Amino acid sequence: MASIAIYSVKGGVGKTTFATNLAWCAAHNSSRATLLWDLDPANGSGFLLGIDPKKKRSAQSVFERTHAAQKLVRRTDYENLDLLPADESIRTLDRQFDRIGKRKRFVKLVEGLAKDYDRILFDCPPVLNETSAQVIRASDLVIVPLPPSPLSSRAFDLVVEEVRGSGKGHPPILPVLSMVDMRRTLHREAREANPKWPVVPQASAIEQCAVERKPVGAFAPRSPGARAFAQLWTAIERKLAKA
């Protein structure tokens, strides 16, 4: 099993879109038993997959261990892809981790799911706190979406500092240029400055994910956006194989 965090300290960078589409690629393109774990209280991943959280059990109960994570897992409409949805109860998750005082609580929860899945992807909230620290400790790879802008570059530096601060065995980081429009000078310059970084373009089909409530590969498989996510997933698998 490999665990992958899609993480940024800046909102509006396409993090949830990345998480949902990469999880679909893992399940569909690689035929991996895949879990997408939404850790953002907005439940964006659940929305994009057309799934609302159950009211009977809160997402917070997983971390309190009053309910097993498996009890909250929802099957999606896509073969090999399950979702562990989020809700408002985890808005103060970092305080809960502080109160518990266990630095590896999240690692233990992930280990409990490892027997059921080949790939677990985390849709992380855009924060720098105990929650992000716990997720990084549980991750084998950190994906960082970066729209071409000075603010995104600064956010990336913060992510690098946070990941490296997790210890000597910190996971590798894969930055990805997102929402790239090569007609714009700033975007071309960002691409030229980082030629080895994967690229996900600004594409209408990707924007339609929120309308269709589906991964782009499910409704527009031949679109540039779907091809970009498929190529990115291939790069991720290769990176995991080398780890």
Protein backbone atom coordinates (compact mmCIF):
# COMPACT_ATOMS: atom_id res chain seq x y z
CA MET A 1 0.00 0.00 0.00
CA ALA A 2 1.16 3.53 -0.78
CA SER A 3 -0.36 6.70 0.63
CA ILE A 4 -0.35 9.99 -1.24
CA ALA A 5 -1.15 13.44 0.14
CA ILE A 6 -2.44 16.19 -2.15
CA TYR A 7 -1.44 19.21 -0.14
CA SER A 8 -1.06 22.97 -0.32
CA VAL A 9 -1.10 25.73 2.26
CA LYS A 10 -2.92 27.93 -0.27
CA GLY A 11 -6.57 27.47 -1.19
CA GLY A 12 -7.94 27.68 -4.71
CA VAL A 13 -5.08 25.77 -6.36
CA GLY A 14 -7.13 22.81 -7.56
CA LYS A 15 -6.20 20.50 -4.68
CA THR A 16 -9.56 18.73 -4.44
CA THR A 17 -9.83 18.41 -8.21
CA PHE A 18 -6.37 16.82 -8.23
CA ALA A 19 -7.25 14.43 -5.41
CA THR A 20 -10.48 13.26 -7.01
CA ASN A 21 -9.06 12.82 -10.50
CA LEU A 22 -5.89 11.09 -9.32
CA ALA A 23 -7.91 8.71 -7.16
CA TRP A 24 -10.04 7.87 -10.21
CA CYS A 25 -6.88 7.27 -12.27
CA ALA A 26 -5.53 4.95 -9.57
CA ALA A 27 -8.76 2.96 -9.56
CA HIS A 28 -9.51 3.01 -13.29
CA ASN A 29 -6.17 3.26 -15.10
CA SER A 30 -4.12 1.17 -12.68
CA SER A 31 -6.94 -1.05 -11.35
CA ARG A 32 -5.77 -0.32 -7.81
CA ALA A 33 -8.07 -0.77 -4.85
CA THR A 34 -8.19 2.93 -3.96
CA LEU A 35 -9.47 4.99 -1.05
CA LEU A 36 -9.85 8.75 -1.27
CA TRP A 37 -9.83 10.16 2.28
CA ASP A 38 -11.28 13.66 2.41
CA LEU A 39 -9.74 15.62 5.29
CA ASP A 40 -11.17 19.00 4.31
CA PRO A 41 -14.37 19.80 6.27
CA ALA A 42 -15.93 21.25 3.11
CA ASN A 43 -16.23 17.66 1.77
CA GLY A 44 -15.18 18.80 -1.70
CA SER A 45 -14.07 15.35 -2.82
CA GLY A 46 -17.40 13.88 -1.80
CA PHE A 47 -19.18 16.58 -3.79
CA LEU A 48 -17.13 15.90 -6.91
CA LEU A 49 -17.92 12.19 -6.62
CA GLY A 50 -21.61 12.81 -6.01
CA ILE A 51 -21.51 11.54 -2.42
CA ASP A 52 -22.76 13.26 0.71
CA PRO A 53 -21.52 12.19 4.17
CA LYS A 54 -23.76 10.04 6.34
CA LYS A 55 -25.39 11.94 9.17
CA LYS A 56 -25.36 9.06 11.66
CA ARG A 57 -21.59 8.92 12.02
CA SER A 58 -19.39 12.03 11.99
CA ALA A 59 -15.96 12.11 10.39
CA GLN A 60 -14.55 13.14 13.75
CA SER A 61 -15.59 9.81 15.27
CA VAL A 62 -12.85 8.07 13.25
CA PHE A 63 -10.17 10.08 15.02
CA GLU A 64 -11.84 9.65 18.41
CA ARG A 65 -11.99 5.91 17.59
CA THR A 66 -15.65 5.71 18.55
CA HIS A 67 -16.25 4.32 15.04
CA ALA A 68 -13.87 2.35 12.84
CA ALA A 69 -12.88 4.16 9.65
CA GLN A 70 -14.29 1.26 7.63
CA LYS A 71 -17.77 2.06 8.99
CA LEU A 72 -17.71 5.47 7.33
CA VAL A 73 -16.26 4.39 3.97
CA ARG A 74 -18.64 4.88 1.05
CA ARG A 75 -18.54 3.06 -2.25
CA THR A 76 -18.53 5.30 -5.30
CA ASP A 77 -20.01 4.71 -8.73
CA TYR A 78 -16.56 3.70 -9.94
CA GLU A 79 -15.03 0.27 -9.64
CA ASN A 80 -12.10 0.04 -7.18
CA LEU A 81 -12.75 3.53 -5.78
CA ASP A 82 -14.08 4.21 -2.26
CA LEU A 83 -14.44 7.47 -0.37
CA LEU A 84 -14.00 8.32 3.30
CA PRO A 85 -15.96 11.59 3.36
CA ALA A 86 -15.46 14.68 5.48
CA ASP A 87 -17.91 16.93 7.31
CA GLU A 88 -17.95 19.96 9.59
CA SER A 89 -17.01 17.86 12.63
CA ILE A 90 -13.31 17.85 11.61
CA ARG A 91 -13.02 21.63 11.38
CA THR A 92 -11.07 21.62 14.66
CA LEU A 93 -9.23 18.38 14.00
CA ASP A 94 -5.86 19.92 14.85
CA ARG A 95 -7.11 20.73 18.36
CA GLN A 96 -8.31 17.17 18.72
CA PHE A 97 -4.88 15.85 17.78
CA ASP A 98 -3.32 18.22 20.32
CA ARG A 99 -5.74 17.04 22.99
CA ILE A 100 -5.10 13.38 22.23
CA GLY A 101 -1.36 13.98 22.36
CA LYS A 102 -0.54 11.09 20.02
CA ARG A 103 1.74 12.15 17.16
CA LYS A 104 1.06 8.95 15.19
CA ARG A 105 -2.71 8.64 15.62
CA PHE A 106 -3.27 9.27 11.90
CA VAL A 107 -0.50 6.83 10.93
CA LYS A 108 -2.21 4.12 12.98
CA LEU A 109 -5.55 4.82 11.33
CA VAL A 110 -3.99 4.53 7.89
CA GLU A 111 -2.28 1.28 8.86
CA GLY A 112 -5.68 -0.08 9.84
CA LEU A 113 -6.93 0.56 6.29
CA ALA A 114 -3.84 -0.71 4.50
CA LYS A 115 -5.05 -4.31 4.22
CA ASP A 116 -8.06 -3.19 2.16
CA TYR A 117 -6.41 -0.79 -0.29
CA ASP A 118 -3.45 -0.53 -2.65
CA ARG A 119 -3.54 3.27 -2.75
CA ILE A 120 -4.87 5.78 -0.22
CA LEU A 121 -5.03 9.43 -1.27
CA PHE A 122 -5.54 12.28 1.19
CA ASP A 123 -7.36 15.46 0.17
CA CYS A 124 -5.73 17.72 2.76
CA PRO A 125 -7.03 21.01 4.15
CA PRO A 126 -4.91 24.09 3.30
CA VAL A 127 -3.38 24.46 6.77
CA LEU A 128 -0.08 24.33 8.60
CA ASN A 129 -0.85 22.68 11.91
CA GLU A 130 -0.87 19.32 13.70
CA THR A 131 -3.27 17.88 11.13
CA SER A 132 -0.85 18.54 8.26
CA ALA A 133 2.04 17.18 10.33
CA GLN A 134 0.14 13.95 11.06
CA VAL A 135 -0.81 13.48 7.40
CA ILE A 136 2.76 14.02 6.21
CA ARG A 137 4.02 11.38 8.64
CA ALA A 138 1.54 8.93 7.11
CA SER A 139 2.37 9.74 3.47
CA ASP A 140 4.76 8.10 1.02
CA LEU A 141 4.50 11.01 -1.43
CA VAL A 142 3.25 14.60 -1.27
CA ILE A 143 1.71 16.14 -4.41
CA VAL A 144 1.67 19.96 -4.45
CA PRO A 145 -0.51 21.70 -7.08
CA LEU A 146 0.97 25.09 -8.02
CA PRO A 147 -0.77 27.60 -10.29
CA PRO A 148 1.92 29.78 -11.92
CA SER A 149 2.13 32.80 -9.60
CA PRO A 150 4.54 34.32 -7.07
CA LEU A 151 2.11 33.51 -4.25
CA SER A 152 2.09 29.86 -5.27
CA SER A 153 5.88 29.78 -5.24
CA ARG A 154 5.86 31.15 -1.71
CA ALA A 155 3.25 28.56 -0.70
CA PHE A 156 5.43 25.81 -2.15
CA ASP A 157 8.38 26.96 -0.05
CA LEU A 158 6.17 26.69 3.04
CA VAL A 159 5.13 23.16 2.08
CA VAL A 160 8.75 22.11 1.56
CA GLU A 161 9.66 23.53 4.96
CA GLU A 162 6.72 21.72 6.59
CA VAL A 163 7.50 18.37 4.97
CA ARG A 164 11.20 18.52 5.73
CA GLY A 165 10.38 19.44 9.29
CA SER A 166 8.61 16.11 9.75
CA GLY A 167 11.95 14.35 10.16
CA LYS A 168 14.77 12.62 8.29
CA GLY A 169 12.45 10.09 6.71
CA HIS A 170 10.13 12.68 5.23
CA PRO A 171 8.24 11.75 2.05
CA PRO A 172 9.36 13.05 -1.36
CA ILE A 173 7.55 16.05 -2.82
CA LEU A 174 6.22 16.26 -6.37
CA PRO A 175 5.28 19.82 -7.42
CA VAL A 176 2.80 20.06 -10.29
CA LEU A 177 2.00 23.17 -12.29
CA SER A 178 -1.78 23.46 -12.36
CA MET A 179 -4.29 25.56 -14.30
CA VAL A 180 -1.61 26.41 -16.85
CA ASP A 181 -2.53 28.56 -19.86
CA MET A 182 0.46 28.70 -22.20
CA ARG A 183 -0.97 31.81 -23.90
CA ARG A 184 -0.05 33.78 -20.77
CA THR A 185 3.50 35.05 -20.37
CA LEU A 186 3.71 34.32 -16.65
CA HIS A 187 2.60 30.74 -17.23
CA ARG A 188 5.09 30.18 -20.03
CA GLU A 189 7.88 31.56 -17.87
CA ALA A 190 6.88 29.25 -14.98
CA ARG A 191 6.93 26.29 -17.34
CA GLU A 192 10.34 27.25 -18.75
CA ALA A 193 11.73 27.69 -15.23
CA ASN A 194 10.51 24.23 -14.16
CA PRO A 195 10.64 22.06 -17.32
CA LYS A 196 10.66 18.75 -15.41
CA TRP A 197 7.54 19.43 -13.37
CA PRO A 198 4.31 17.76 -14.55
CA VAL A 199 1.67 20.11 -15.94
CA VAL A 200 -2.13 20.10 -15.71
CA PRO A 201 -3.62 22.69 -18.08
CA GLN A 202 -6.40 25.18 -17.62
CA ALA A 203 -9.12 23.20 -19.37
CA SER A 204 -12.87 23.55 -19.67
CA ALA A 205 -13.40 19.82 -19.16
CA ILE A 206 -11.63 19.98 -15.79
CA GLU A 207 -13.81 22.92 -14.77
CA GLN A 208 -16.85 20.82 -15.68
CA CYS A 209 -15.97 18.28 -12.96
CA ALA A 210 -17.91 20.38 -10.45
CA VAL A 211 -20.90 20.55 -12.78
CA GLU A 212 -20.92 16.89 -13.74
CA ARG A 213 -19.85 15.80 -10.25
CA LYS A 214 -17.56 13.27 -11.89
CA PRO A 215 -13.83 12.88 -12.54
CA VAL A 216 -12.90 14.27 -15.95
CA GLY A 217 -11.79 10.86 -17.20
CA ALA A 218 -15.30 9.51 -16.59
CA PHE A 219 -17.09 11.97 -18.88
CA ALA A 220 -14.39 13.41 -21.17
CA PRO A 221 -11.73 10.68 -21.45
CA ARG A 222 -10.11 12.11 -24.59
CA SER A 223 -9.87 15.69 -23.33
CA PRO A 224 -6.51 17.37 -22.62
CA GLY A 225 -7.43 17.49 -18.94
CA ALA A 226 -8.08 13.76 -18.72
CA ARG A 227 -4.83 13.02 -20.55
CA ALA A 228 -2.90 15.33 -18.21
CA PHE A 229 -4.19 13.58 -15.08
CA ALA A 230 -3.49 10.17 -16.61
CA GLN A 231 0.10 11.22 -17.38
CA LEU A 232 0.50 12.65 -13.89
CA TRP A 233 -0.74 9.41 -12.35
CA THR A 234 1.77 7.44 -14.41
CA ALA A 235 4.53 9.72 -13.12
CA ILE A 236 3.31 9.16 -9.55
CA GLU A 237 3.35 5.39 -9.93
CA ARG A 238 6.88 5.55 -11.30
CA LYS A 239 8.00 7.71 -8.41
CA LEU A 240 6.46 5.32 -5.90
CA ALA A 241 8.16 2.39 -7.58
CA LYS A 242 11.55 4.07 -7.12
CA ALA A 243 10.94 4.90 -3.47
